[in-house]
Amino acid sequence: MKYLILVLGFVFLTQNVHSQTPGTNKFKKEFLKAINHTRQKGCNCGTIYMPPAPSLVWNDLLEKAARGHAQEMAQKQYFSHVSQDGRTTFNRVENAGYTRTGYKSFTVGENIAQGQPTIAVVMQGWLNSEGHCRNLMNPDFKEVGIWLYDTYWVQDFGGREEFSPEMKRMIRSGKVKIIQEDARGH
């Protein structure tokens, strides 16, 4: 009987670890299900009620940015939204290929965590933190990419809105010129 219990425990552990493997469809689906369930019903972020928001979709470029930051934090043993070389979430996301060029609006954000054992636990922690929760519920975010490396979680959000067909025609004709600035006015 003891042997059977040990085997069942091993099977459960293997299944739990498998769902925690970043880059797999199961990992992506589990995260999107948790995020979108909350976005569909709305929630309180601290004392602020956040109404329902459209579902997020997975973006591989945001995942790439999250993977790089999670690996760097784990390997260099630090915990910050700003990389040790001064790169911000914005820089890392653009460097991964998620660019603002050709879009009417461009928004990015990031949640990080360290030490949580499962997707459910890290999600609950983010939902219990007002700022992280507001990122999860931000209707300007349309896409997400997430990575877990060692014990470091990174969740990168993005939102890009295309120009209307009429505006695209005006840009192509030269009647309108696009001037791009980042959040710092550069």
C-alpha atoms as a PDB file:
ATOM      1  CA  MET A   1       0.000   0.000   0.000  1.00  0.00           C
ATOM      2  CA  LYS A   2       2.816   2.439   0.797  1.00  0.00           C
ATOM      3  CA  TYR A   3       4.302   1.757  -2.629  1.00  0.00           C
ATOM      4  CA  LEU A   4       1.038   2.742  -4.359  1.00  0.00           C
ATOM      5  CA  ILE A   5       0.803   6.030  -2.442  1.00  0.00           C
ATOM      6  CA  LEU A   6       4.401   6.898  -3.344  1.00  0.00           C
ATOM      7  CA  VAL A   7       3.717   6.205  -7.032  1.00  0.00           C
ATOM      8  CA  LEU A   8       0.569   8.348  -7.028  1.00  0.00           C
ATOM      9  CA  GLY A   9       2.477  11.193  -5.368  1.00  0.00           C
ATOM     10  CA  PHE A  10       5.138  10.974  -8.046  1.00  0.00           C
ATOM     11  CA  VAL A  11       2.568  11.081 -10.850  1.00  0.00           C
ATOM     12  CA  PHE A  12       0.920  14.167  -9.313  1.00  0.00           C
ATOM     13  CA  LEU A  13       4.279  15.911  -8.948  1.00  0.00           C
ATOM     14  CA  THR A  14       5.178  15.138 -12.551  1.00  0.00           C
ATOM     15  CA  GLN A  15       1.868  16.508 -13.826  1.00  0.00           C
ATOM     16  CA  ASN A  16       2.198  19.673 -11.719  1.00  0.00           C
ATOM     17  CA  VAL A  17       5.751  20.313 -12.931  1.00  0.00           C
ATOM     18  CA  HIS A  18       4.700  19.723 -16.554  1.00  0.00           C
ATOM     19  CA  SER A  19       2.074  22.475 -16.371  1.00  0.00           C
ATOM     20  CA  GLN A  20       4.775  24.794 -15.028  1.00  0.00           C
ATOM     21  CA  THR A  21       7.040  24.328 -18.047  1.00  0.00           C
ATOM     22  CA  PRO A  22       7.257  27.691 -19.828  1.00  0.00           C
ATOM     23  CA  GLY A  23       6.868  27.721 -23.581  1.00  0.00           C
ATOM     24  CA  THR A  24       4.498  24.746 -23.624  1.00  0.00           C
ATOM     25  CA  ASN A  25       0.926  25.030 -24.823  1.00  0.00           C
ATOM     26  CA  LYS A  26      -0.295  23.822 -21.422  1.00  0.00           C
ATOM     27  CA  PHE A  27       1.613  26.625 -19.627  1.00  0.00           C
ATOM     28  CA  LYS A  28       0.258  29.253 -22.021  1.00  0.00           C
ATOM     29  CA  LYS A  29      -3.331  27.963 -21.847  1.00  0.00           C
ATOM     30  CA  GLU A  30      -3.292  27.748 -18.044  1.00  0.00           C
ATOM     31  CA  PHE A  31      -2.036  31.321 -17.715  1.00  0.00           C
ATOM     32  CA  LEU A  32      -4.435  32.735 -20.308  1.00  0.00           C
ATOM     33  CA  LYS A  33      -7.345  30.914 -18.656  1.00  0.00           C
ATOM     34  CA  ALA A  34      -6.462  32.390 -15.235  1.00  0.00           C
ATOM     35  CA  ILE A  35      -5.920  35.908 -16.587  1.00  0.00           C
ATOM     36  CA  ASN A  36      -8.934  35.993 -18.875  1.00  0.00           C
ATOM     37  CA  HIS A  37     -11.277  34.509 -16.253  1.00  0.00           C
ATOM     38  CA  THR A  38     -10.505  37.488 -14.017  1.00  0.00           C
ATOM     39  CA  ARG A  39     -10.617  40.011 -16.883  1.00  0.00           C
ATOM     40  CA  GLN A  40     -14.047  38.726 -17.985  1.00  0.00           C
ATOM     41  CA  LYS A  41     -15.648  39.215 -14.584  1.00  0.00           C
ATOM     42  CA  GLY A  42     -13.735  42.274 -13.308  1.00  0.00           C
ATOM     43  CA  CYS A  43     -12.226  42.552  -9.845  1.00  0.00           C
ATOM     44  CA  ASN A  44     -11.072  44.860  -7.085  1.00  0.00           C
ATOM     45  CA  CYS A  45      -7.451  45.944  -7.294  1.00  0.00           C
ATOM     46  CA  GLY A  46      -6.911  47.213  -3.785  1.00  0.00           C
ATOM     47  CA  THR A  47      -9.763  49.668  -3.223  1.00  0.00           C
ATOM     48  CA  ILE A  48     -10.291  50.312  -6.939  1.00  0.00           C
ATOM     49  CA  TYR A  49     -12.865  48.302  -8.869  1.00  0.00           C
ATOM     50  CA  MET A  50     -11.608  47.322 -12.298  1.00  0.00           C
ATOM     51  CA  PRO A  51     -14.485  46.512 -14.672  1.00  0.00           C
ATOM     52  CA  PRO A  52     -14.344  43.595 -17.085  1.00  0.00           C
ATOM     53  CA  ALA A  53     -11.747  43.907 -19.843  1.00  0.00           C
ATOM     54  CA  PRO A  54     -11.286  42.111 -23.165  1.00  0.00           C
ATOM     55  CA  SER A  55      -9.408  38.815 -23.123  1.00  0.00           C
ATOM     56  CA  LEU A  56      -5.660  38.789 -23.718  1.00  0.00           C
ATOM     57  CA  VAL A  57      -3.989  36.669 -26.380  1.00  0.00           C
ATOM     58  CA  TRP A  58      -0.517  35.150 -26.219  1.00  0.00           C
ATOM     59  CA  ASN A  59       2.313  36.936 -28.023  1.00  0.00           C
ATOM     60  CA  ASP A  60       5.581  35.098 -28.678  1.00  0.00           C
ATOM     61  CA  LEU A  61       7.608  38.336 -28.873  1.00  0.00           C
ATOM     62  CA  LEU A  62       6.413  39.371 -25.416  1.00  0.00           C
ATOM     63  CA  GLU A  63       7.254  35.844 -24.232  1.00  0.00           C
ATOM     64  CA  LYS A  64      10.764  36.283 -25.660  1.00  0.00           C
ATOM     65  CA  ALA A  65      11.226  39.541 -23.715  1.00  0.00           C
ATOM     66  CA  ALA A  66       9.895  37.917 -20.524  1.00  0.00           C
ATOM     67  CA  ARG A  67      12.188  34.907 -20.983  1.00  0.00           C
ATOM     68  CA  GLY A  68      15.260  37.096 -21.357  1.00  0.00           C
ATOM     69  CA  HIS A  69      14.482  39.153 -18.263  1.00  0.00           C
ATOM     70  CA  ALA A  70      13.612  36.120 -16.095  1.00  0.00           C
ATOM     71  CA  GLN A  71      16.838  34.351 -17.099  1.00  0.00           C
ATOM     72  CA  GLU A  72      18.939  37.457 -16.496  1.00  0.00           C
ATOM     73  CA  MET A  73      17.455  38.111 -13.050  1.00  0.00           C
ATOM     74  CA  ALA A  74      18.013  34.475 -12.025  1.00  0.00           C
ATOM     75  CA  GLN A  75      21.550  34.273 -13.380  1.00  0.00           C
ATOM     76  CA  LYS A  76      22.648  37.633 -11.934  1.00  0.00           C
ATOM     77  CA  GLN A  77      20.543  37.200  -8.778  1.00  0.00           C
ATOM     78  CA  TYR A  78      18.660  40.487  -8.702  1.00  0.00           C
ATOM     79  CA  PHE A  79      14.973  41.403  -8.738  1.00  0.00           C
ATOM     80  CA  SER A  80      13.896  44.576 -10.550  1.00  0.00           C
ATOM     81  CA  HIS A  81      11.905  45.892 -13.499  1.00  0.00           C
ATOM     82  CA  VAL A  82      15.080  47.686 -14.581  1.00  0.00           C
ATOM     83  CA  SER A  83      17.897  45.484 -15.876  1.00  0.00           C
ATOM     84  CA  GLN A  84      21.319  45.969 -14.337  1.00  0.00           C
ATOM     85  CA  ASP A  85      22.450  47.663 -17.561  1.00  0.00           C
ATOM     86  CA  GLY A  86      19.586  50.187 -17.290  1.00  0.00           C
ATOM     87  CA  ARG A  87      17.163  48.624 -19.803  1.00  0.00           C
ATOM     88  CA  THR A  88      13.485  49.046 -18.986  1.00  0.00           C
ATOM     89  CA  THR A  89      10.514  46.877 -19.855  1.00  0.00           C
ATOM     90  CA  PHE A  90       9.961  49.124 -22.870  1.00  0.00           C
ATOM     91  CA  ASN A  91      13.554  48.578 -24.081  1.00  0.00           C
ATOM     92  CA  ARG A  92      13.459  44.807 -23.561  1.00  0.00           C
ATOM     93  CA  VAL A  93      10.106  44.418 -25.331  1.00  0.00           C
ATOM     94  CA  GLU A  94      11.237  46.465 -28.335  1.00  0.00           C
ATOM     95  CA  ASN A  95      14.569  44.608 -28.454  1.00  0.00           C
ATOM     96  CA  ALA A  96      12.592  41.352 -28.629  1.00  0.00           C
ATOM     97  CA  GLY A  97      10.817  42.652 -31.753  1.00  0.00           C
ATOM     98  CA  TYR A  98       7.551  43.919 -30.268  1.00  0.00           C
ATOM     99  CA  THR A  99       7.819  47.366 -31.814  1.00  0.00           C
ATOM    100  CA  ARG A 100       5.659  50.468 -32.009  1.00  0.00           C
ATOM    101  CA  THR A 101       6.469  51.269 -35.639  1.00  0.00           C
ATOM    102  CA  GLY A 102       3.320  51.599 -37.727  1.00  0.00           C
ATOM    103  CA  TYR A 103       0.891  51.646 -34.810  1.00  0.00           C
ATOM    104  CA  LYS A 104      -1.367  54.446 -33.609  1.00  0.00           C
ATOM    105  CA  SER A 105      -0.823  53.549 -29.967  1.00  0.00           C
ATOM    106  CA  PHE A 106       1.687  51.392 -28.109  1.00  0.00           C
ATOM    107  CA  THR A 107       1.491  50.373 -24.462  1.00  0.00           C
ATOM    108  CA  VAL A 108       3.637  47.953 -22.464  1.00  0.00           C
ATOM    109  CA  GLY A 109       3.748  46.826 -18.852  1.00  0.00           C
ATOM    110  CA  GLU A 110       5.319  44.160 -16.706  1.00  0.00           C
ATOM    111  CA  ASN A 111       4.660  42.089 -13.616  1.00  0.00           C
ATOM    112  CA  ILE A 112       7.503  40.223 -11.914  1.00  0.00           C
ATOM    113  CA  ALA A 113       7.553  37.804  -9.004  1.00  0.00           C
ATOM    114  CA  GLN A 114      10.033  35.486  -7.362  1.00  0.00           C
ATOM    115  CA  GLY A 115       9.620  32.289  -5.405  1.00  0.00           C
ATOM    116  CA  GLN A 116       6.001  31.323  -6.071  1.00  0.00           C
ATOM    117  CA  PRO A 117       5.667  27.575  -6.747  1.00  0.00           C
ATOM    118  CA  THR A 118       2.742  27.518  -9.213  1.00  0.00           C
ATOM    119  CA  ILE A 119       0.819  29.580 -11.745  1.00  0.00           C
ATOM    120  CA  ALA A 120      -2.147  29.734  -9.356  1.00  0.00           C
ATOM    121  CA  VAL A 121      -0.003  31.068  -6.505  1.00  0.00           C
ATOM    122  CA  VAL A 122       1.816  33.695  -8.599  1.00  0.00           C
ATOM    123  CA  MET A 123      -1.494  34.851 -10.101  1.00  0.00           C
ATOM    124  CA  GLN A 124      -3.065  35.199  -6.650  1.00  0.00           C
ATOM    125  CA  GLY A 125      -0.069  37.232  -5.500  1.00  0.00           C
ATOM    126  CA  TRP A 126      -0.355  39.561  -8.488  1.00  0.00           C
ATOM    127  CA  LEU A 127      -4.103  39.950  -7.974  1.00  0.00           C
ATOM    128  CA  ASN A 128      -3.526  40.786  -4.296  1.00  0.00           C
ATOM    129  CA  SER A 129      -1.091  43.579  -5.247  1.00  0.00           C
ATOM    130  CA  GLU A 130      -2.879  46.723  -6.463  1.00  0.00           C
ATOM    131  CA  GLY A 131      -0.316  47.700  -9.114  1.00  0.00           C
ATOM    132  CA  HIS A 132       0.144  44.193 -10.484  1.00  0.00           C
ATOM    133  CA  CYS A 133      -3.622  43.660 -10.474  1.00  0.00           C
ATOM    134  CA  ARG A 134      -4.160  46.904 -12.407  1.00  0.00           C
ATOM    135  CA  ASN A 135      -1.706  45.661 -15.055  1.00  0.00           C
ATOM    136  CA  LEU A 136      -3.658  42.395 -15.313  1.00  0.00           C
ATOM    137  CA  MET A 137      -6.928  44.325 -15.720  1.00  0.00           C
ATOM    138  CA  ASN A 138      -5.669  47.166 -17.950  1.00  0.00           C
ATOM    139  CA  PRO A 139      -7.956  47.264 -21.026  1.00  0.00           C
ATOM    140  CA  ASP A 140      -5.156  48.882 -23.069  1.00  0.00           C
ATOM    141  CA  PHE A 141      -3.236  45.608 -22.891  1.00  0.00           C
ATOM    142  CA  LYS A 142      -4.262  43.164 -25.614  1.00  0.00           C
ATOM    143  CA  GLU A 143      -1.409  40.625 -25.529  1.00  0.00           C
ATOM    144  CA  VAL A 144       0.783  38.889 -22.982  1.00  0.00           C
ATOM    145  CA  GLY A 145       3.915  36.747 -22.850  1.00  0.00           C
ATOM    146  CA  ILE A 146       5.109  35.038 -19.682  1.00  0.00           C
ATOM    147  CA  TRP A 147       8.186  33.105 -18.610  1.00  0.00           C
ATOM    148  CA  LEU A 148       9.337  31.234 -15.531  1.00  0.00           C
ATOM    149  CA  TYR A 149      13.062  30.651 -15.063  1.00  0.00           C
ATOM    150  CA  ASP A 150      14.320  29.020 -11.896  1.00  0.00           C
ATOM    151  CA  THR A 151      12.024  30.831  -9.417  1.00  0.00           C
ATOM    152  CA  TYR A 152      11.672  34.119 -11.356  1.00  0.00           C
ATOM    153  CA  TRP A 153       8.378  34.945 -13.078  1.00  0.00           C
ATOM    154  CA  VAL A 154       8.059  37.685 -15.703  1.00  0.00           C
ATOM    155  CA  GLN A 155       4.746  38.667 -17.290  1.00  0.00           C
ATOM    156  CA  ASP A 156       5.060  41.211 -20.127  1.00  0.00           C
ATOM    157  CA  PHE A 157       1.971  42.957 -21.470  1.00  0.00           C
ATOM    158  CA  GLY A 158       1.506  44.829 -24.723  1.00  0.00           C
ATOM    159  CA  GLY A 159      -1.145  46.741 -26.527  1.00  0.00           C
ATOM    160  CA  ARG A 160      -0.875  48.083 -30.042  1.00  0.00           C
ATOM    161  CA  GLU A 161      -3.634  49.734 -32.022  1.00  0.00           C
ATOM    162  CA  GLU A 162      -3.360  49.991 -35.792  1.00  0.00           C
ATOM    163  CA  PHE A 163      -4.187  53.104 -37.744  1.00  0.00           C
ATOM    164  CA  SER A 164      -7.544  53.144 -39.533  1.00  0.00           C
ATOM    165  CA  PRO A 165      -7.479  52.273 -43.269  1.00  0.00           C
ATOM    166  CA  GLU A 166      -8.124  55.965 -44.078  1.00  0.00           C
ATOM    167  CA  MET A 167      -5.247  57.110 -41.889  1.00  0.00           C
ATOM    168  CA  LYS A 168      -2.948  54.508 -43.489  1.00  0.00           C
ATOM    169  CA  ARG A 169      -3.829  55.924 -46.930  1.00  0.00           C
ATOM    170  CA  MET A 170      -3.080  59.455 -45.733  1.00  0.00           C
ATOM    171  CA  ILE A 171       0.274  58.361 -44.286  1.00  0.00           C
ATOM    172  CA  ARG A 172       1.233  56.578 -47.524  1.00  0.00           C
ATOM    173  CA  SER A 173       0.255  59.643 -49.583  1.00  0.00           C
ATOM    174  CA  GLY A 174       2.407  61.921 -47.420  1.00  0.00           C
ATOM    175  CA  LYS A 175      -0.545  64.030 -46.239  1.00  0.00           C
ATOM    176  CA  VAL A 176       0.171  62.978 -42.653  1.00  0.00           C
ATOM    177  CA  LYS A 177       3.536  62.572 -40.986  1.00  0.00           C
ATOM    178  CA  ILE A 178       4.040  60.354 -37.934  1.00  0.00           C
ATOM    179  CA  ILE A 179       6.115  61.746 -35.098  1.00  0.00           C
ATOM    180  CA  GLN A 180       6.969  59.100 -32.510  1.00  0.00           C
ATOM    181  CA  GLU A 181       7.932  59.817 -28.926  1.00  0.00           C
ATOM    182  CA  ASP A 182       8.483  57.393 -26.108  1.00  0.00           C
ATOM    183  CA  ALA A 183       7.014  57.940 -22.649  1.00  0.00           C
ATOM    184  CA  ARG A 184       9.984  60.156 -21.724  1.00  0.00           C
ATOM    185  CA  GLY A 185       9.393  62.511 -24.681  1.00  0.00           C
ATOM    186  CA  HIS A 186      12.317  61.230 -26.782  1.00  0.00           C
END
